[in-house]
C-alpha atoms as a PDB file:
ATOM      1  CA  MET A   1       0.062   0.281  -0.311  1.00  0.00           C
ATOM      2  CA  ILE A   2       3.042   2.135   1.026  1.00  0.00           C
ATOM      3  CA  ALA A   3       4.783   1.401  -1.965  1.00  0.00           C
ATOM      4  CA  THR A   4       1.577   2.509  -4.122  1.00  0.00           C
ATOM      5  CA  LEU A   5       1.262   5.485  -2.688  1.00  0.00           C
ATOM      6  CA  VAL A   6       4.824   6.608  -2.945  1.00  0.00           C
ATOM      7  CA  ILE A   7       4.944   5.436  -7.239  1.00  0.00           C
ATOM      8  CA  ALA A   8       1.644   7.268  -7.488  1.00  0.00           C
ATOM      9  CA  ALA A   9       3.327  10.636  -5.464  1.00  0.00           C
ATOM     10  CA  PHE A  10       6.336  10.716  -8.084  1.00  0.00           C
ATOM     11  CA  MET A  11       3.873  10.351 -10.925  1.00  0.00           C
ATOM     12  CA  ILE A  12       1.547  12.668 -10.401  1.00  0.00           C
ATOM     13  CA  LEU A  13       4.389  15.245  -9.355  1.00  0.00           C
ATOM     14  CA  ALA A  14       6.067  14.310 -12.973  1.00  0.00           C
ATOM     15  CA  MET A  15       2.150  14.934 -14.539  1.00  0.00           C
ATOM     16  CA  ALA A  16       2.684  18.781 -12.204  1.00  0.00           C
ATOM     17  CA  GLY A  17       5.534  19.519 -13.287  1.00  0.00           C
ATOM     18  CA  ALA A  18       4.558  18.511 -17.353  1.00  0.00           C
ATOM     19  CA  ILE A  19       1.273  20.434 -17.056  1.00  0.00           C
ATOM     20  CA  TYR A  20       2.802  23.332 -15.280  1.00  0.00           C
ATOM     21  CA  ALA A  21       5.354  24.259 -17.983  1.00  0.00           C
ATOM     22  CA  ALA A  22       2.633  23.488 -20.834  1.00  0.00           C
ATOM     23  CA  LEU A  23       0.532  25.634 -19.414  1.00  0.00           C
ATOM     24  CA  VAL A  24       2.845  28.658 -17.733  1.00  0.00           C
ATOM     25  CA  PRO A  25       3.288  31.443 -20.422  1.00  0.00           C
ATOM     26  CA  HIS A  26       6.775  32.274 -18.947  1.00  0.00           C
ATOM     27  CA  THR A  27       9.506  30.267 -20.023  1.00  0.00           C
ATOM     28  CA  LEU A  28      11.864  30.319 -16.988  1.00  0.00           C
ATOM     29  CA  HIS A  29       8.643  28.689 -15.202  1.00  0.00           C
ATOM     30  CA  CYS A  30       8.329  26.009 -18.004  1.00  0.00           C
ATOM     31  CA  ILE A  31      12.576  24.956 -16.813  1.00  0.00           C
ATOM     32  CA  ILE A  32      10.553  25.305 -13.510  1.00  0.00           C
ATOM     33  CA  GLY A  33       8.246  23.018 -14.886  1.00  0.00           C
ATOM     34  CA  LEU A  34      10.519  20.559 -16.445  1.00  0.00           C
ATOM     35  CA  GLY A  35      12.743  20.133 -13.893  1.00  0.00           C
ATOM     36  CA  LEU A  36       9.828  19.050 -11.043  1.00  0.00           C
ATOM     37  CA  THR A  37       8.995  16.439 -13.665  1.00  0.00           C
ATOM     38  CA  LEU A  38      12.318  15.254 -14.343  1.00  0.00           C
ATOM     39  CA  PHE A  39      12.608  14.911 -10.452  1.00  0.00           C
ATOM     40  CA  GLY A  40       9.617  12.597 -10.686  1.00  0.00           C
ATOM     41  CA  VAL A  41      10.769  10.261 -13.408  1.00  0.00           C
ATOM     42  CA  ALA A  42      14.090  10.112 -10.499  1.00  0.00           C
ATOM     43  CA  GLY A  43      12.088   8.984  -8.397  1.00  0.00           C
ATOM     44  CA  ILE A  44      10.366   6.356 -10.336  1.00  0.00           C
ATOM     45  CA  TYR A  45      13.774   5.452 -11.326  1.00  0.00           C
ATOM     46  CA  LEU A  46      14.636   4.880  -7.534  1.00  0.00           C
ATOM     47  CA  TYR A  47      11.172   2.916  -7.025  1.00  0.00           C
ATOM     48  CA  LEU A  48      12.468   0.505  -9.804  1.00  0.00           C
ATOM     49  CA  GLY A  49      14.931  -0.859  -8.088  1.00  0.00           C
ATOM     50  CA  SER A  50      17.716   2.385  -9.375  1.00  0.00           C
ATOM     51  CA  PRO A  51      19.350   4.542  -7.888  1.00  0.00           C
ATOM     52  CA  PHE A  52      22.338   4.891 -10.067  1.00  0.00           C
ATOM     53  CA  VAL A  53      19.991   6.071 -12.785  1.00  0.00           C
ATOM     54  CA  ALA A  54      17.972   8.255 -10.346  1.00  0.00           C
ATOM     55  CA  ALA A  55      20.882  10.085  -9.611  1.00  0.00           C
ATOM     56  CA  MET A  56      21.692  10.035 -13.248  1.00  0.00           C
ATOM     57  CA  GLN A  57      18.561  11.798 -14.190  1.00  0.00           C
ATOM     58  CA  ILE A  58      19.040  14.538 -11.657  1.00  0.00           C
ATOM     59  CA  LEU A  59      22.603  15.148 -12.415  1.00  0.00           C
ATOM     60  CA  ILE A  60      22.722  15.391 -15.980  1.00  0.00           C
ATOM     61  CA  TYR A  61      18.891  16.251 -16.811  1.00  0.00           C
ATOM     62  CA  ILE A  62      17.838  18.666 -13.881  1.00  0.00           C
ATOM     63  CA  GLY A  63      21.459  19.719 -13.004  1.00  0.00           C
ATOM     64  CA  GLY A  64      23.163  20.040 -16.530  1.00  0.00           C
ATOM     65  CA  ILE A  65      19.552  20.444 -19.273  1.00  0.00           C
ATOM     66  CA  SER A  66      17.952  22.995 -17.022  1.00  0.00           C
ATOM     67  CA  VAL A  67      21.470  25.510 -16.207  1.00  0.00           C
ATOM     68  CA  ALA A  68      21.675  24.394 -19.967  1.00  0.00           C
ATOM     69  CA  MET A  69      19.051  26.137 -21.224  1.00  0.00           C
ATOM     70  CA  VAL A  70      18.634  28.877 -17.821  1.00  0.00           C
ATOM     71  CA  PHE A  71      22.271  29.957 -20.063  1.00  0.00           C
ATOM     72  CA  ALA A  72      20.320  29.510 -23.714  1.00  0.00           C
ATOM     73  CA  LEU A  73      17.359  31.827 -22.158  1.00  0.00           C
ATOM     74  CA  MET A  74      19.339  34.796 -20.965  1.00  0.00           C
ATOM     75  CA  LEU A  75      21.140  34.939 -23.593  1.00  0.00           C
ATOM     76  CA  SER A  76      18.206  35.029 -26.544  1.00  0.00           C
ATOM     77  CA  VAL A  77      15.819  36.883 -23.743  1.00  0.00           C
ATOM     78  CA  SER A  78      15.819  40.039 -26.428  1.00  0.00           C
ATOM     79  CA  LEU A  79      14.921  37.718 -29.209  1.00  0.00           C
ATOM     80  CA  ALA A  80      12.207  36.064 -26.725  1.00  0.00           C
ATOM     81  CA  LYS A  81      10.931  39.497 -26.329  1.00  0.00           C
ATOM     82  CA  LYS A  82      10.235  40.918 -29.640  1.00  0.00           C
ATOM     83  CA  MET A  83       8.588  37.475 -31.633  1.00  0.00           C
ATOM     84  CA  LYS A  84       5.363  37.445 -31.407  1.00  0.00           C
ATOM     85  CA  HIS A  85       2.507  34.391 -31.794  1.00  0.00           C
ATOM     86  CA  SER A  86      -0.115  34.801 -33.828  1.00  0.00           C
ATOM     87  CA  GLU A  87      -3.231  32.769 -32.837  1.00  0.00           C
ATOM     88  CA  ILE A  88      -3.337  30.976 -36.104  1.00  0.00           C
ATOM     89  CA  LYS A  89       0.208  29.271 -34.762  1.00  0.00           C
ATOM     90  CA  VAL A  90      -1.009  28.997 -31.145  1.00  0.00           C
ATOM     91  CA  ILE A  91      -4.007  26.686 -32.342  1.00  0.00           C
ATOM     92  CA  LEU A  92      -2.190  24.940 -34.979  1.00  0.00           C
ATOM     93  CA  SER A  93       0.615  23.797 -32.149  1.00  0.00           C
ATOM     94  CA  SER A  94      -2.941  22.866 -29.405  1.00  0.00           C
ATOM     95  CA  ILE A  95      -3.960  20.894 -31.947  1.00  0.00           C
ATOM     96  CA  ALA A  96      -0.526  18.582 -32.539  1.00  0.00           C
ATOM     97  CA  ALA A  97       0.121  18.814 -28.968  1.00  0.00           C
ATOM     98  CA  ILE A  98      -3.721  17.334 -28.613  1.00  0.00           C
ATOM     99  CA  LEU A  99      -2.873  14.597 -31.081  1.00  0.00           C
ATOM    100  CA  PHE A 100       0.568  13.511 -29.785  1.00  0.00           C
ATOM    101  CA  LEU A 101      -0.983  13.464 -26.105  1.00  0.00           C
ATOM    102  CA  ALA A 102      -4.036  10.978 -27.188  1.00  0.00           C
ATOM    103  CA  VAL A 103      -1.440   8.776 -29.441  1.00  0.00           C
ATOM    104  CA  MET A 104       0.356   8.544 -26.041  1.00  0.00           C
ATOM    105  CA  ALA A 105      -2.477   8.032 -24.085  1.00  0.00           C
ATOM    106  CA  ARG A 106      -3.457   4.955 -26.563  1.00  0.00           C
ATOM    107  CA  LEU A 107      -0.164   4.192 -25.982  1.00  0.00           C
ATOM    108  CA  ILE A 108       0.330   3.361 -22.677  1.00  0.00           C
ATOM    109  CA  MET A 109      -3.672   2.024 -22.233  1.00  0.00           C
ATOM    110  CA  THR A 110      -2.620  -0.514 -24.655  1.00  0.00           C
ATOM    111  CA  THR A 111       0.751  -1.604 -23.606  1.00  0.00           C
ATOM    112  CA  GLU A 112       0.499  -4.722 -21.237  1.00  0.00           C
ATOM    113  CA  PHE A 113       2.877  -4.103 -18.392  1.00  0.00           C
ATOM    114  CA  PRO A 114       4.155  -7.363 -16.674  1.00  0.00           C
ATOM    115  CA  LEU A 115       3.291  -6.614 -12.318  1.00  0.00           C
ATOM    116  CA  ARG A 116       6.430  -7.455 -10.495  1.00  0.00           C
ATOM    117  CA  GLU A 117       6.152  -7.531  -6.660  1.00  0.00           C
ATOM    118  CA  GLU A 118       9.430  -6.365  -6.101  1.00  0.00           C
ATOM    119  CA  PRO A 119      11.886  -3.780  -8.327  1.00  0.00           C
ATOM    120  CA  ALA A 120      13.769  -5.329 -11.485  1.00  0.00           C
ATOM    121  CA  GLY A 121      17.031  -6.638 -10.804  1.00  0.00           C
ATOM    122  CA  ALA A 122      19.940  -5.293  -9.548  1.00  0.00           C
ATOM    123  CA  ALA A 123      22.251  -7.211 -12.505  1.00  0.00           C
ATOM    124  CA  ALA A 124      20.091  -5.217 -14.907  1.00  0.00           C
ATOM    125  CA  TRP A 125      20.863  -1.799 -13.958  1.00  0.00           C
ATOM    126  CA  GLY A 126      24.516  -1.898 -12.401  1.00  0.00           C
ATOM    127  CA  VAL A 127      26.840   0.813 -12.927  1.00  0.00           C
ATOM    128  CA  GLU A 128      29.118  -1.382 -14.997  1.00  0.00           C
ATOM    129  CA  GLN A 129      26.003  -2.560 -17.183  1.00  0.00           C
ATOM    130  CA  ILE A 130      25.000   0.793 -17.897  1.00  0.00           C
ATOM    131  CA  GLY A 131      28.668   2.096 -18.208  1.00  0.00           C
ATOM    132  CA  HIS A 132      29.225  -0.870 -20.898  1.00  0.00           C
ATOM    133  CA  GLY A 133      26.033  -0.150 -22.820  1.00  0.00           C
ATOM    134  CA  PHE A 134      26.861   4.097 -22.562  1.00  0.00           C
ATOM    135  CA  LEU A 135      30.135   2.822 -24.705  1.00  0.00           C
ATOM    136  CA  THR A 136      28.512   0.213 -27.016  1.00  0.00           C
ATOM    137  CA  THR A 137      25.398   0.265 -27.934  1.00  0.00           C
ATOM    138  CA  TYR A 138      24.062   4.276 -27.075  1.00  0.00           C
ATOM    139  CA  SER A 139      27.534   5.767 -27.415  1.00  0.00           C
ATOM    140  CA  PRO A 140      26.233   7.539 -31.055  1.00  0.00           C
ATOM    141  CA  LEU A 141      23.063   8.247 -29.533  1.00  0.00           C
ATOM    142  CA  PHE A 142      24.834  10.395 -26.959  1.00  0.00           C
ATOM    143  CA  ILE A 143      27.313  11.610 -29.167  1.00  0.00           C
ATOM    144  CA  GLY A 144      24.161  13.114 -31.079  1.00  0.00           C
ATOM    145  CA  LEU A 145      22.550  15.248 -28.457  1.00  0.00           C
ATOM    146  CA  ALA A 146      25.916  16.353 -27.120  1.00  0.00           C
ATOM    147  CA  ILE A 147      26.497  18.062 -31.108  1.00  0.00           C
ATOM    148  CA  CYS A 148      22.571  18.848 -30.525  1.00  0.00           C
ATOM    149  CA  LEU A 149      22.722  21.044 -26.896  1.00  0.00           C
ATOM    150  CA  SER A 150      26.341  22.748 -28.587  1.00  0.00           C
ATOM    151  CA  VAL A 151      24.600  23.665 -31.954  1.00  0.00           C
ATOM    152  CA  ALA A 152      21.921  25.138 -29.376  1.00  0.00           C
ATOM    153  CA  ILE A 153      23.947  27.152 -27.315  1.00  0.00           C
ATOM    154  CA  ILE A 154      25.560  27.752 -30.121  1.00  0.00           C
ATOM    155  CA  ALA A 155      22.995  29.536 -31.710  1.00  0.00           C
ATOM    156  CA  ALA A 156      21.624  31.154 -28.486  1.00  0.00           C
ATOM    157  CA  VAL A 157      24.803  32.976 -28.219  1.00  0.00           C
ATOM    158  CA  LEU A 158      24.856  34.053 -32.118  1.00  0.00           C
ATOM    159  CA  VAL A 159      21.321  34.984 -31.820  1.00  0.00           C
ATOM    160  CA  ALA A 160      21.813  36.899 -28.833  1.00  0.00           C
ATOM    161  CA  ARG A 161      25.300  38.496 -30.002  1.00  0.00           C
ATOM    162  CA  ARG A 162      23.062  39.293 -33.537  1.00  0.00           C
ATOM    163  CA  GLU A 163      20.829  41.150 -31.611  1.00  0.00           C
ATOM    164  CA  ALA A 164      23.130  42.791 -29.044  1.00  0.00           C
ATOM    165  CA  ASP A 165      25.065  44.431 -31.948  1.00  0.00           C
ATOM    166  CA  LYS A 166      21.731  45.763 -33.913  1.00  0.00           C
ATOM    167  CA  SER A 167      20.838  47.192 -30.660  1.00  0.00           C
END
């Protein structure tokens, strides 16, 4: 019973952070909502018996990615003030978000998840297996993500510099 309440609390925290991030108009508040969502996901990882993945979720995603997003926001704030949102863009993005939510809900509802009485085995989520996966199977994925993040930060710096030169 207590385990169900704990997992429900982390799921509610993750969903509340995501809803908050989607509904607030200020970008910094969206990043805070993302941080709450990622913290809820870290709690779910911890419950599933993977303290290493939970710790990496907090260190890398909350600590690193969120800080990088705040940094990029600070560099491009002058551009964001000049951007205007047309009603058609808001309507189209809302429709796309609702369709995405419907597809994801359908997938979650139709997928059969195995029930476990105890958390996943420690061997499957051990540091050695995760490190081996990082260096072999998932290496191209992480290199691609690192390149995307680097390009995004460089682009934010260039946009901020260009806007500063125009003013």
